[in-house]
Amino acid sequence: MKPGPVSMLDRVKQLSTETLDKYLETRDANAAAIPAELAEYIDWINIAANFSRDNFDRRSVAIQLQEHIEKVLGKPMSINRAQRIVDDSIALLHTDCHITAVEWNALYADRMDQLAELNKSTNNMREARRCTESALRYHVAASDNSVDPALTDFKHQLISPDVKMERMGGRELTAGEIKGMLEQYGLTDKEGQRILDEAMLELGIVEDVEFEEVSEETK
């Protein structure tokens, strides 16, 4: 089975960086040693890429490209072919893309901010609000992605149940101190006693016992 024809985009991709740079600098197909039809296609892709800088709508860019080629360059161009050229310019731009998620989010956050300001200048506050909300989402996403996930991972901490408060920089409260704290909040009734009993049980505190000295006569 014979391989299908190589597309113009694939032919552009096969060019070395040096060859492509040389043509873009000189605009001379002979000097760059590339076919004339390939040089022409590179010109069209470059024009489409320039139109895309200020217009994010692919269909609109295709219409601009079609009108430019027909009116300025004097060559017929169907809208479908113009659309393929726009798509090729996007595909070529993102070949071997190394842009991170943080950078993409930051880029589109800036674009949404610009669109918001543009809509404000035309008093289109509804669209300006939508752009501002989108910008906020992109800014937050860029901020979230910039944090190393390893820093937010849950880390298991093993603490022995036998560890005393003194080793953790504190001290154990006495039953009297706990009672005093409850009294400050007015919890001296049954509810206060219940909380006291639970706290002492949890902390393993034995309630202070007042011993009465026994005289020799009572023995």
Protein backbone atom coordinates (compact mmCIF):
# COMPACT_ATOMS: atom_id res chain seq x y z
CA MET A 1 0.00 0.00 0.00
CA LYS A 2 1.45 3.33 -1.07
CA PRO A 3 1.72 6.04 1.56
CA GLY A 4 -0.63 8.99 1.16
CA PRO A 5 0.56 12.38 -0.02
CA VAL A 6 2.54 14.45 2.47
CA SER A 7 0.59 17.47 3.63
CA MET A 8 1.99 20.97 3.38
CA LEU A 9 2.13 21.16 7.17
CA ASP A 10 4.21 17.98 7.35
CA ARG A 11 6.56 19.38 4.70
CA VAL A 12 7.03 22.53 6.77
CA LYS A 13 7.70 20.44 9.88
CA GLN A 14 10.36 18.47 8.02
CA LEU A 15 12.36 21.63 7.37
CA SER A 16 15.29 22.29 9.66
CA THR A 17 15.14 25.29 11.95
CA GLU A 18 18.03 26.87 10.06
CA THR A 19 16.23 26.53 6.71
CA LEU A 20 12.99 27.95 8.05
CA ASP A 21 14.76 30.86 9.75
CA LYS A 22 16.71 31.63 6.59
CA TYR A 23 13.54 31.83 4.51
CA LEU A 24 11.71 33.99 7.03
CA GLU A 25 14.68 36.37 7.10
CA THR A 26 15.20 36.59 3.33
CA ARG A 27 11.77 35.63 1.91
CA ASP A 28 13.80 34.06 -0.91
CA ALA A 29 12.80 30.46 -1.71
CA ASN A 30 15.89 29.92 -3.85
CA ALA A 31 18.26 31.17 -1.13
CA ALA A 32 16.60 28.84 1.39
CA ALA A 33 16.57 25.99 -1.16
CA ILE A 34 12.88 25.22 -0.76
CA PRO A 35 10.11 24.88 -3.40
CA ALA A 36 8.16 28.01 -4.27
CA GLU A 37 4.79 26.49 -3.29
CA LEU A 38 6.18 25.56 0.12
CA ALA A 39 7.53 29.09 0.60
CA GLU A 40 4.12 30.49 -0.28
CA TYR A 41 2.44 28.23 2.28
CA ILE A 42 4.89 29.36 4.96
CA ASP A 43 3.92 32.96 4.13
CA TRP A 44 0.23 32.12 4.55
CA ILE A 45 0.82 30.34 7.86
CA ASN A 46 2.81 33.31 9.10
CA ILE A 47 0.03 35.73 8.13
CA ALA A 48 -2.56 33.53 9.89
CA ALA A 49 -0.39 33.44 13.02
CA ASN A 50 -0.13 37.25 13.03
CA PHE A 51 -3.92 37.61 12.69
CA SER A 52 -4.40 35.17 15.57
CA ARG A 53 -2.47 37.38 17.99
CA ASP A 54 -5.33 39.85 18.29
CA ASN A 55 -8.24 37.56 17.42
CA PHE A 56 -8.97 34.33 19.27
CA ASP A 57 -11.83 33.20 17.03
CA ARG A 58 -10.57 30.70 14.42
CA ARG A 59 -13.43 31.32 12.01
CA SER A 60 -12.91 35.07 12.14
CA VAL A 61 -9.17 34.65 11.54
CA ALA A 62 -9.91 32.43 8.53
CA ILE A 63 -12.13 35.15 7.04
CA GLN A 64 -9.39 37.74 7.59
CA LEU A 65 -6.85 35.45 5.93
CA GLN A 66 -9.13 34.78 2.95
CA GLU A 67 -9.76 38.48 2.37
CA HIS A 68 -6.06 39.33 2.72
CA ILE A 69 -4.89 36.70 0.24
CA GLU A 70 -7.57 37.59 -2.31
CA LYS A 71 -7.36 41.39 -2.04
CA VAL A 72 -3.69 41.97 -1.19
CA LEU A 73 -2.02 39.01 -2.86
CA GLY A 74 -4.57 38.69 -5.66
CA LYS A 75 -5.05 34.92 -5.32
CA PRO A 76 -8.35 33.05 -4.95
CA MET A 77 -8.82 31.36 -1.59
CA SER A 78 -11.83 29.37 -0.35
CA ILE A 79 -12.92 29.80 3.26
CA ASN A 80 -12.37 26.08 3.86
CA ARG A 81 -8.77 26.28 2.71
CA ALA A 82 -8.24 29.43 4.76
CA GLN A 83 -9.56 27.54 7.79
CA ARG A 84 -7.07 24.69 7.18
CA ILE A 85 -4.23 27.18 6.99
CA VAL A 86 -5.30 28.74 10.30
CA ASP A 87 -5.46 25.29 11.87
CA ASP A 88 -2.02 24.47 10.48
CA SER A 89 -0.59 27.68 11.94
CA ILE A 90 -1.94 26.71 15.36
CA ALA A 91 -0.65 23.13 15.05
CA LEU A 92 2.79 24.36 13.98
CA LEU A 93 2.92 26.84 16.85
CA HIS A 94 2.26 24.10 19.41
CA THR A 95 4.53 21.44 17.97
CA ASP A 96 6.78 20.13 20.77
CA CYS A 97 5.12 22.56 23.12
CA HIS A 98 6.85 22.80 26.51
CA ILE A 99 4.54 25.38 28.06
CA THR A 100 3.46 24.34 31.53
CA ALA A 101 -0.06 24.41 32.95
CA VAL A 102 0.95 27.34 35.17
CA GLU A 103 2.10 29.36 32.15
CA TRP A 104 -1.03 28.54 30.11
CA ASN A 105 -3.31 29.58 32.99
CA ALA A 106 -1.32 32.78 33.54
CA LEU A 107 -1.46 33.56 29.80
CA TYR A 108 -5.22 33.18 29.55
CA ALA A 109 -5.72 35.04 32.82
CA ASP A 110 -3.96 38.03 31.23
CA ARG A 111 -6.06 37.69 28.07
CA MET A 112 -9.29 37.59 30.06
CA ASP A 113 -8.16 40.69 31.97
CA GLN A 114 -7.53 42.46 28.65
CA LEU A 115 -10.94 41.43 27.31
CA ALA A 116 -12.57 42.63 30.51
CA GLU A 117 -10.96 46.07 30.10
CA LEU A 118 -12.00 46.15 26.43
CA ASN A 119 -15.62 45.43 27.32
CA LYS A 120 -15.53 48.07 30.05
CA SER A 121 -14.38 50.66 27.49
CA THR A 122 -17.46 49.86 25.36
CA ASN A 123 -19.72 49.87 28.45
CA ASN A 124 -20.51 46.18 28.00
CA MET A 125 -20.45 45.50 31.71
CA ARG A 126 -22.17 42.13 31.48
CA GLU A 127 -19.45 40.70 29.23
CA ALA A 128 -16.77 42.49 31.26
CA ARG A 129 -18.00 40.70 34.38
CA ARG A 130 -17.87 37.32 32.63
CA CYS A 131 -14.32 37.99 31.46
CA THR A 132 -13.29 39.08 34.96
CA GLU A 133 -14.75 35.90 36.47
CA SER A 134 -12.90 33.80 33.87
CA ALA A 135 -9.68 35.67 34.61
CA LEU A 136 -10.11 34.94 38.31
CA ARG A 137 -10.46 31.20 37.62
CA TYR A 138 -7.31 31.21 35.48
CA HIS A 139 -5.37 33.21 38.09
CA VAL A 140 -6.43 30.81 40.85
CA ALA A 141 -5.57 27.79 38.70
CA ALA A 142 -2.14 29.25 37.94
CA SER A 143 -1.57 29.86 41.63
CA ASP A 144 -2.71 26.35 42.60
CA ASN A 145 -0.55 24.70 39.97
CA SER A 146 2.50 26.70 41.01
CA VAL A 147 2.55 24.97 44.40
CA ASP A 148 4.55 21.78 44.56
CA PRO A 149 1.96 19.01 45.23
CA ALA A 150 4.49 17.28 47.48
CA LEU A 151 4.22 20.21 49.89
CA THR A 152 0.47 19.73 50.31
CA ASP A 153 0.47 15.94 50.58
CA PHE A 154 -0.78 14.54 53.87
CA LYS A 155 2.09 13.41 56.03
CA HIS A 156 1.46 10.72 58.59
CA GLN A 157 2.57 11.65 62.10
CA LEU A 158 2.86 8.88 64.65
CA ILE A 159 2.44 9.93 68.28
CA SER A 160 2.57 7.34 70.99
CA PRO A 161 -0.40 7.33 73.39
CA ASP A 162 2.18 7.13 76.18
CA VAL A 163 3.67 10.53 75.33
CA LYS A 164 3.29 12.94 78.25
CA MET A 165 2.33 16.60 77.93
CA GLU A 166 5.74 17.65 79.29
CA ARG A 167 7.46 16.13 76.26
CA MET A 168 5.19 18.16 73.96
CA GLY A 169 6.00 21.47 75.63
CA GLY A 170 2.98 21.60 77.93
CA ARG A 171 1.82 20.30 81.28
CA GLU A 172 -1.14 18.34 82.59
CA LEU A 173 -3.92 20.24 84.34
CA THR A 174 -5.08 19.33 87.80
CA ALA A 175 -8.70 18.62 88.65
CA GLY A 176 -8.83 21.92 90.57
CA GLU A 177 -7.63 23.90 87.55
CA ILE A 178 -10.23 22.31 85.31
CA LYS A 179 -12.96 23.10 87.86
CA GLY A 180 -11.77 26.69 87.97
CA MET A 181 -12.00 26.99 84.18
CA LEU A 182 -15.54 25.60 84.20
CA GLU A 183 -16.56 28.02 86.94
CA GLN A 184 -15.31 30.94 84.85
CA TYR A 185 -17.85 29.95 82.19
CA GLY A 186 -20.59 29.43 84.77
CA LEU A 187 -20.62 25.65 84.38
CA THR A 188 -20.99 24.58 87.94
CA ASP A 189 -24.18 22.50 87.61
CA LYS A 190 -24.66 18.98 86.29
CA GLU A 191 -23.46 19.95 82.79
CA GLY A 192 -20.24 21.32 84.21
CA GLN A 193 -19.73 18.19 86.28
CA ARG A 194 -20.29 16.02 83.24
CA ILE A 195 -17.69 17.95 81.24
CA LEU A 196 -15.31 17.77 84.17
CA ASP A 197 -15.72 14.00 84.49
CA GLU A 198 -15.13 13.50 80.75
CA ALA A 199 -12.04 15.74 80.75
CA MET A 200 -10.52 13.99 83.73
CA LEU A 201 -11.25 10.58 82.23
CA GLU A 202 -9.70 11.61 78.89
CA LEU A 203 -6.61 13.07 80.53
CA GLY A 204 -6.32 10.31 83.14
CA ILE A 205 -6.49 12.76 86.03
CA VAL A 206 -7.28 11.52 89.51
CA GLU A 207 -9.42 14.01 91.44
CA ASP A 208 -7.64 15.70 94.30
CA VAL A 209 -8.61 14.22 97.67
CA GLU A 210 -8.41 16.28 100.82
CA PHE A 211 -7.09 14.21 103.71
CA GLU A 212 -8.04 15.07 107.28
CA GLU A 213 -5.32 14.65 109.84
CA VAL A 214 -6.32 12.11 112.47
CA SER A 215 -5.30 12.87 116.01
CA GLU A 216 -3.99 10.35 118.42
CA GLU A 217 -7.17 10.65 120.55
CA THR A 218 -9.36 9.37 117.73
CA LYS A 219 -7.28 6.29 117.14
